Protein backbone atom coordinates (compact mmCIF):
# COMPACT_ATOMS: atom_id res chain seq x y z
CA UNK A 1 -42.28 72.17 33.45
CA UNK A 2 -42.36 72.75 29.71
CA UNK A 3 -42.18 68.98 29.14
CA UNK A 4 -45.37 68.62 31.15
CA UNK A 5 -47.24 71.64 29.81
CA UNK A 6 -47.10 70.67 26.12
CA UNK A 7 -48.75 67.22 26.56
CA UNK A 8 -51.27 68.77 28.93
CA UNK A 9 -52.28 71.31 26.28
CA UNK A 10 -52.62 68.55 23.69
CA UNK A 11 -54.84 66.60 26.05
CA UNK A 12 -57.13 69.64 26.29
CA UNK A 13 -57.68 69.48 22.51
CA UNK A 14 -58.60 65.82 22.86
CA UNK A 15 -61.17 66.62 25.49
CA UNK A 16 -64.19 66.08 23.21
CA UNK A 17 -63.02 62.48 22.74
CA UNK A 18 -61.65 61.80 26.19
CA UNK A 19 -63.35 62.57 29.47
CA UNK A 20 -60.75 64.60 31.31
CA UNK A 21 -60.86 66.59 34.49
CA UNK A 22 -58.30 68.63 36.39
CA UNK A 23 -57.29 65.65 38.52
CA UNK A 24 -56.47 63.51 35.49
CA UNK A 25 -54.54 66.39 33.94
CA UNK A 26 -52.63 66.93 37.20
CA UNK A 27 -51.77 63.23 37.44
CA UNK A 28 -50.59 63.01 33.84
CA UNK A 29 -48.55 66.21 34.16
CA UNK A 30 -46.91 64.97 37.37
CA UNK A 31 -46.01 61.65 35.77
CA UNK A 32 -44.41 63.41 32.82
CA UNK A 33 -42.43 65.72 35.09
CA UNK A 34 -41.11 62.75 37.07
CA UNK A 35 -40.27 60.86 33.89
CA UNK A 36 -38.34 63.85 32.57
CA UNK A 37 -36.61 64.48 35.90
CA UNK A 38 -35.06 61.02 36.13
CA UNK A 39 -32.56 61.36 33.25
CA UNK A 40 -32.00 65.06 33.93
CA UNK A 41 -31.19 64.50 37.61
CA UNK A 42 -28.49 61.92 37.02
CA UNK A 43 -30.53 58.97 38.24
CA UNK A 44 -30.34 57.49 34.79
CA UNK A 45 -26.60 56.97 35.19
CA UNK A 46 -27.31 54.64 38.09
CA UNK A 47 -29.55 52.19 36.23
CA UNK A 48 -29.13 49.97 33.22
CA UNK A 49 -26.39 47.70 31.95
CA UNK A 50 -23.53 50.18 31.93
CA UNK A 51 -24.43 52.01 35.12
CA UNK A 52 -21.54 52.99 37.38
CA UNK A 53 -22.28 52.50 41.05
CA UNK A 54 -21.08 54.17 44.19
CA UNK A 55 -17.98 52.57 45.64
CA UNK A 56 -19.68 50.44 48.25
CA UNK A 57 -16.30 49.61 49.80
CA UNK A 58 -16.77 52.99 51.46
CA UNK A 59 -20.47 52.66 52.13
CA UNK A 60 -21.84 49.21 52.85
CA UNK A 61 -19.25 46.60 52.01
CA UNK A 62 -19.79 42.89 51.94
CA UNK A 63 -18.00 40.45 54.20
CA UNK A 64 -19.40 36.95 54.38
CA UNK A 65 -17.83 35.95 57.68
CA UNK A 66 -15.24 33.30 58.40
CA UNK A 67 -14.82 30.18 56.30
CA UNK A 68 -13.17 28.10 59.00
CA UNK A 69 -13.00 28.44 62.77
CA UNK A 70 -9.29 28.73 63.56
CA UNK A 71 -9.49 30.13 67.10
CA UNK A 72 -11.18 27.49 69.26
CA UNK A 73 -10.48 28.81 72.77
CA UNK A 74 -9.99 32.55 72.66
CA UNK A 75 -8.15 34.31 75.45
CA UNK A 76 -9.93 37.56 74.52
CA UNK A 77 -13.57 37.90 75.57
CA UNK A 78 -16.21 40.50 76.40
CA UNK A 79 -17.97 40.57 79.75
CA UNK A 80 -21.41 39.00 79.56
CA UNK A 81 -24.52 38.93 81.75
CA UNK A 82 -26.93 36.00 81.31
CA UNK A 83 -29.02 36.64 84.44
CA UNK A 84 -31.94 38.06 82.45
CA UNK A 85 -32.15 34.97 80.29
CA UNK A 86 -30.86 36.88 77.29
CA UNK A 87 -27.23 37.49 76.52
CA UNK A 88 -26.23 41.05 77.41
CA UNK A 89 -22.73 42.47 77.02
CA UNK A 90 -21.77 44.69 79.94
CA UNK A 91 -18.06 45.34 79.48
CA UNK A 92 -15.18 44.97 77.07
CA UNK A 93 -13.29 42.58 79.30
CA UNK A 94 -9.92 41.77 77.76
CA UNK A 95 -11.06 42.08 74.16
CA UNK A 96 -9.25 44.95 72.40
CA UNK A 97 -10.80 48.04 70.90
CA UNK A 98 -9.39 47.96 67.36
CA UNK A 99 -9.07 50.93 65.04
CA UNK A 100 -8.80 50.25 61.33
CA UNK A 101 -9.09 51.68 57.85
CA UNK A 102 -11.16 50.42 54.94
CA UNK A 103 -8.12 48.49 53.67
CA UNK A 104 -7.73 46.54 56.92
CA UNK A 105 -11.46 46.15 57.63
CA UNK A 106 -11.73 42.55 56.42
CA UNK A 107 -8.78 41.52 58.57
CA UNK A 108 -10.27 43.10 61.68
CA UNK A 109 -13.67 41.57 60.96
CA UNK A 110 -12.02 38.17 60.71
CA UNK A 111 -10.33 38.71 64.07
CA UNK A 112 -13.65 39.62 65.70
CA UNK A 113 -15.54 36.72 64.19
CA UNK A 114 -12.82 34.27 65.16
CA UNK A 115 -12.65 35.36 68.79
CA UNK A 116 -16.25 36.34 69.47
CA UNK A 117 -18.05 34.06 67.01
CA UNK A 118 -20.62 36.71 66.21
CA UNK A 119 -22.38 36.74 62.87
CA UNK A 120 -24.52 39.89 62.82
CA UNK A 121 -25.22 39.97 59.11
CA UNK A 122 -26.42 43.57 59.18
CA UNK A 123 -23.17 44.76 60.74
CA UNK A 124 -20.66 43.36 58.25
CA UNK A 125 -17.39 45.32 58.04
CA UNK A 126 -18.33 47.85 60.71
CA UNK A 127 -18.17 45.01 63.19
CA UNK A 128 -18.98 45.70 66.82
CA UNK A 129 -16.32 46.48 69.42
CA UNK A 130 -14.25 48.45 66.92
CA UNK A 131 -13.76 52.04 66.03
CA UNK A 132 -14.17 52.61 62.34
CA UNK A 133 -12.37 55.07 60.13
CA UNK A 134 -11.69 55.05 56.42
CA UNK A 135 -8.87 57.54 56.76
CA UNK A 136 -5.43 56.70 58.17
CA UNK A 137 -5.07 60.08 59.85
CA UNK A 138 -8.33 59.64 61.74
CA UNK A 139 -7.44 56.08 62.72
CA UNK A 140 -4.07 57.14 64.13
CA UNK A 141 -5.76 60.07 65.85
CA UNK A 142 -7.95 57.56 67.68
CA UNK A 143 -4.86 55.77 68.95
CA UNK A 144 -2.89 58.90 69.88
CA UNK A 145 -5.79 60.58 71.67
CA UNK A 146 -7.42 57.45 73.06
CA UNK A 147 -10.57 58.10 71.12
CA UNK A 148 -13.48 55.71 70.80
CA UNK A 149 -16.60 56.25 68.70
CA UNK A 150 -19.24 53.66 69.66
CA UNK A 151 -21.80 54.69 67.03
CA UNK A 152 -23.31 51.22 67.00
CA UNK A 153 -24.31 51.04 70.66
CA UNK A 154 -27.71 52.69 70.17
CA UNK A 155 -28.56 50.26 67.38
CA UNK A 156 -27.96 46.99 69.21
CA UNK A 157 -29.84 46.55 72.45
CA UNK A 158 -27.78 43.67 73.79
CA UNK A 159 -24.66 45.86 73.68
CA UNK A 160 -26.12 48.91 75.42
CA UNK A 161 -24.31 47.98 78.61
CA UNK A 162 -21.04 48.82 76.92
CA UNK A 163 -21.98 52.49 76.67
CA UNK A 164 -21.00 53.05 80.30
CA UNK A 165 -17.72 51.17 79.89
CA UNK A 166 -16.00 53.02 77.08
CA UNK A 167 -12.25 52.77 76.88
CA UNK A 168 -9.60 54.12 74.51
CA UNK A 169 -8.50 52.34 71.36
CA UNK A 170 -6.03 49.58 72.25
CA UNK A 171 -4.54 48.82 68.85
CA UNK A 172 -4.85 50.02 65.25
CA UNK A 173 -4.28 48.02 62.08
CA UNK A 174 -3.47 49.97 58.97
CA UNK A 175 -1.58 49.81 55.67
CA UNK A 176 1.76 51.55 55.85
CA UNK A 177 4.09 52.25 58.75
CA UNK A 178 3.07 55.07 61.10
CA UNK A 179 5.51 57.53 62.62
CA UNK A 180 7.28 56.69 65.88
CA UNK A 181 5.59 59.54 67.74
CA UNK A 182 2.73 62.03 67.42
CA UNK A 183 1.42 65.04 69.29
CA UNK A 184 -1.97 64.53 70.88
CA UNK A 185 -4.66 67.17 71.28
CA UNK A 186 -2.92 68.46 74.41
CA UNK A 187 0.34 68.93 72.49
CA UNK A 188 1.91 66.05 74.40
CA UNK A 189 4.18 63.55 72.65
CA UNK A 190 2.74 60.05 72.38
CA UNK A 191 5.21 57.37 71.32
CA UNK A 192 4.01 54.55 69.09
CA UNK A 193 5.22 50.97 68.71
CA UNK A 194 4.41 49.44 65.30
CA UNK A 195 5.32 46.14 63.67
CA UNK A 196 4.49 44.62 60.26
CA UNK A 197 1.86 41.89 60.42
CA UNK A 198 0.81 41.17 56.81
CA UNK A 199 1.48 41.86 53.14
CA UNK A 200 -0.73 43.13 50.34
CA UNK A 201 -0.19 44.53 46.86
CA UNK A 202 -1.60 47.17 44.54
CA UNK A 203 -2.97 45.30 41.51
CA UNK A 204 -4.68 46.30 38.27
CA UNK A 205 -7.69 44.46 36.88
CA UNK A 206 -9.47 44.28 33.54
CA UNK A 207 -12.24 42.14 32.05
CA UNK A 208 -11.13 38.54 31.49
CA UNK A 209 -11.80 38.83 27.74
CA UNK A 210 -9.51 41.83 27.35
CA UNK A 211 -6.58 40.57 25.21
CA UNK A 212 -4.10 42.76 27.10
CA UNK A 213 -2.28 40.77 29.81
CA UNK A 214 0.77 42.92 30.56
CA UNK A 215 1.27 46.63 31.01
CA UNK A 216 4.34 48.62 31.94
CA UNK A 217 4.38 51.18 34.73
CA UNK A 218 4.79 53.89 32.10
CA UNK A 219 1.72 52.66 30.21
CA UNK A 220 -0.31 52.64 33.42
CA UNK A 221 0.80 56.18 34.15
CA UNK A 222 -0.18 57.29 30.65
CA UNK A 223 -3.60 55.61 30.96
CA UNK A 224 -4.38 57.31 34.24
CA UNK A 225 -2.93 60.62 33.04
CA UNK A 226 -5.27 60.52 30.04
CA UNK A 227 -2.50 60.20 27.43
CA UNK A 228 -3.51 56.69 26.33
CA UNK A 229 -7.27 56.64 25.72
CA UNK A 230 -7.92 53.53 23.63
CA UNK A 231 -7.07 49.87 24.23
CA UNK A 232 -5.99 49.61 20.58
CA UNK A 233 -2.88 51.63 21.49
CA UNK A 234 -1.92 48.80 23.85
CA UNK A 235 -2.60 45.89 21.53
CA UNK A 236 -6.24 45.48 22.54
CA UNK A 237 -9.59 46.05 20.89
CA UNK A 238 -10.74 49.38 19.51
CA UNK A 239 -12.46 50.45 22.74
CA UNK A 240 -12.19 53.72 24.62
CA UNK A 241 -10.59 53.03 28.00
CA UNK A 242 -12.78 53.46 31.07
CA UNK A 243 -10.40 54.20 33.94
CA UNK A 244 -11.89 53.50 37.34
CA UNK A 245 -10.22 54.97 40.40
CA UNK A 246 -10.47 54.58 44.15
CA UNK A 247 -11.90 57.16 46.51
CA UNK A 248 -9.79 60.21 47.27
CA UNK A 249 -9.92 59.18 50.95
CA UNK A 250 -8.54 55.73 50.20
CA UNK A 251 -4.98 54.74 51.00
CA UNK A 252 -5.13 52.72 47.78
CA UNK A 253 -5.48 55.95 45.87
CA UNK A 254 -2.54 57.43 47.77
CA UNK A 255 -0.40 54.38 46.93
CA UNK A 256 -1.45 54.76 43.30
CA UNK A 257 -0.30 58.38 43.28
CA UNK A 258 2.99 57.69 45.04
CA UNK A 259 4.03 54.47 43.31
CA UNK A 260 2.58 54.77 39.80
CA UNK A 261 1.81 58.41 39.02
CA UNK A 262 4.85 59.90 40.83
CA UNK A 263 3.53 63.44 40.72
CA UNK A 264 1.65 63.16 37.41
CA UNK A 265 -1.98 64.22 38.02
CA UNK A 266 -4.67 61.59 37.63
CA UNK A 267 -7.16 62.25 34.88
CA UNK A 268 -10.86 62.52 35.69
CA UNK A 269 -12.23 59.09 36.64
CA UNK A 270 -15.53 57.49 35.73
CA UNK A 271 -17.96 59.23 38.06
CA UNK A 272 -21.43 58.67 39.46
CA UNK A 273 -24.02 60.94 41.04
CA UNK A 274 -23.86 60.67 44.83
CA UNK A 275 -26.88 62.47 46.24
CA UNK A 276 -25.76 66.11 46.03
CA UNK A 277 -22.36 65.60 44.44
CA UNK A 278 -20.38 63.47 42.00
CA UNK A 279 -17.94 60.85 43.22
CA UNK A 280 -15.61 58.17 41.85
CA UNK A 281 -17.63 55.26 40.52
CA UNK A 282 -16.98 51.74 41.75
CA UNK A 283 -15.22 49.50 39.26
CA UNK A 284 -17.60 48.03 36.68
CA UNK A 285 -16.28 45.02 34.82
CA UNK A 286 -16.88 45.98 31.18
CA UNK A 287 -14.57 44.95 28.29
CA UNK A 288 -13.18 48.49 28.15
CA UNK A 289 -12.59 48.87 31.90
CA UNK A 290 -9.43 49.06 33.97
CA UNK A 291 -9.29 49.49 37.74
CA UNK A 292 -6.94 49.11 40.68
CA UNK A 293 -7.26 47.93 44.26
CA UNK A 294 -5.44 45.99 46.92
CA UNK A 295 -5.25 42.27 46.24
CA UNK A 296 -7.08 41.57 49.51
CA UNK A 297 -10.18 43.35 48.14
CA UNK A 298 -10.37 40.79 45.35
CA UNK A 299 -9.71 37.92 47.74
CA UNK A 300 -12.67 39.12 49.80
CA UNK A 301 -14.91 39.33 46.73
CA UNK A 302 -14.75 43.07 47.25
CA UNK A 303 -15.85 43.90 43.71
CA UNK A 304 -18.25 40.97 43.29
CA UNK A 305 -16.86 40.18 39.85
CA UNK A 306 -17.64 36.43 39.85
CA UNK A 307 -14.26 35.52 38.37
CA UNK A 308 -14.89 37.50 35.19
CA UNK A 309 -11.80 39.65 35.65
CA UNK A 310 -8.07 39.09 35.41
CA UNK A 311 -5.13 40.66 37.19
CA UNK A 312 -2.55 42.26 34.91
CA UNK A 313 1.16 41.59 35.11
CA UNK A 314 3.08 44.83 35.56
CA UNK A 315 6.50 45.22 33.93
CA UNK A 316 6.20 41.51 33.06
CA UNK A 317 5.95 40.56 36.75
CA UNK A 318 2.87 38.72 37.96
CA UNK A 319 1.50 39.76 41.40
CA UNK A 320 1.40 36.26 42.87
CA UNK A 321 2.23 35.25 46.43
CA UNK A 322 5.85 34.38 45.61
CA UNK A 323 6.60 37.65 43.84
CA UNK A 324 4.83 39.71 46.50
CA UNK A 325 6.53 37.84 49.35
CA UNK A 326 10.07 38.22 48.00
CA UNK A 327 9.56 41.80 46.83
CA UNK A 328 9.92 41.07 43.11
CA UNK A 329 6.53 42.61 42.40
CA UNK A 330 7.19 46.32 42.84
CA UNK A 331 3.92 47.55 44.34
CA UNK A 332 3.74 45.82 47.72
CA UNK A 333 1.93 47.32 50.71
CA UNK A 334 2.78 46.26 54.26
CA UNK A 335 0.14 46.19 56.96
CA UNK A 336 1.17 47.30 60.43
CA UNK A 337 -0.32 46.97 63.89
CA UNK A 338 0.42 49.84 66.26
CA UNK A 339 -0.03 50.36 70.00
CA UNK A 340 1.00 53.07 72.43
CA UNK A 341 4.51 52.60 73.80
CA UNK A 342 4.48 51.29 77.35
CA UNK A 343 1.33 49.20 76.80
CA UNK A 344 3.07 46.08 75.50
CA UNK A 345 1.71 44.07 78.44
CA UNK A 346 -1.78 45.53 78.21
CA UNK A 347 -4.69 44.37 76.05
CA UNK A 348 -3.36 45.88 72.82
CA UNK A 349 0.11 44.44 73.31
CA UNK A 350 -1.22 40.97 74.10
CA UNK A 351 -3.46 41.07 71.04
CA UNK A 352 -0.50 42.13 68.90
CA UNK A 353 1.44 39.15 70.22
CA UNK A 354 -1.45 36.91 69.20
CA UNK A 355 -1.57 38.44 65.69
CA UNK A 356 2.07 37.49 65.16
CA UNK A 357 1.47 33.91 66.32
CA UNK A 358 0.86 31.06 63.88
CA UNK A 359 -2.83 31.19 64.75
CA UNK A 360 -3.06 34.91 64.11
CA UNK A 361 -1.18 34.63 60.82
CA UNK A 362 -3.54 31.83 59.72
CA UNK A 363 -6.49 34.16 60.36
CA UNK A 364 -4.79 36.85 58.29
CA UNK A 365 -4.46 34.45 55.37
CA UNK A 366 -8.09 33.38 55.67
CA UNK A 367 -9.14 37.04 55.59
CA UNK A 368 -7.51 37.39 52.14
CA UNK A 369 -4.16 38.92 53.07
CA UNK A 370 -0.67 37.44 52.82
CA UNK A 371 0.82 36.55 56.21
CA UNK A 372 4.43 37.17 57.11
CA UNK A 373 4.96 33.44 57.75
């Protein structure tokens, strides 16, 4: 208010020279208030060259669809009604309801595109026919309790017929092996069958012009604990390190804590204003930056870095396909598919069988993950 009042008072002294009225003064004062509010409110941190952005991998991620049609004659299809002249989906047929996390979203999207050949550009990762959860606990809860959250039905008229044909989650795809059994909401034991289906790895990225190519696990831990604060300490330029982190809800962040930090608390990350709160900023590829993610995120252009980044070798081991496949690279994450025990012959079990086939593994590779074979 003070920022607006002072110029308004000055304008009053200029009144003999300038024809002013209360409306002009009100307009000028309002403009000044808005101009002052922008930097004070945190909006300023979201614009400009060095602006951190919200981690869109947890908001509206980008997935460009399949590059090559691998599945020509799918055995999994939705029920359709063409009697009205327009395609309407009336039932799930033998296509599975898939639960997934943010880390497995691209894989599940690839599966849907391959089998259903749908390219709704406004749907992207949260592809139809799937439950969506960015938290492993919630995803497993959907499987254990047979949950299904069809939030998208009201948005897409041609799928409204599915609202009356809800069915429980058939299969979930997630990083890390789930337990063999869980208690559902009725305190009943539900046994789970899970098998590995793909490989991934925790990798660390920096700007391509950063002279540092190799870091040790100890150096990474010291960076993210706040002990090493300048690239010069690591043989790089005299730049203060910007450490970007993943969301607290992300499995990637959990892997980071378990594999790298080993109980050492993470220092405060680069943050950005998120409406009413502050959150971890998405990785921004500046010369002083360092970030981490799963390799599949980079394969899917998850950070939109246009090749201007490089992946660091850790403990002198490069995270390439050979080193990840044979376990030489230490920070490997396995992806698992899980179904309820006793449903091996049902939709989820049949889809799991397809995932492990050569065709399914080829789709996994195309989605940016490393197949088992």
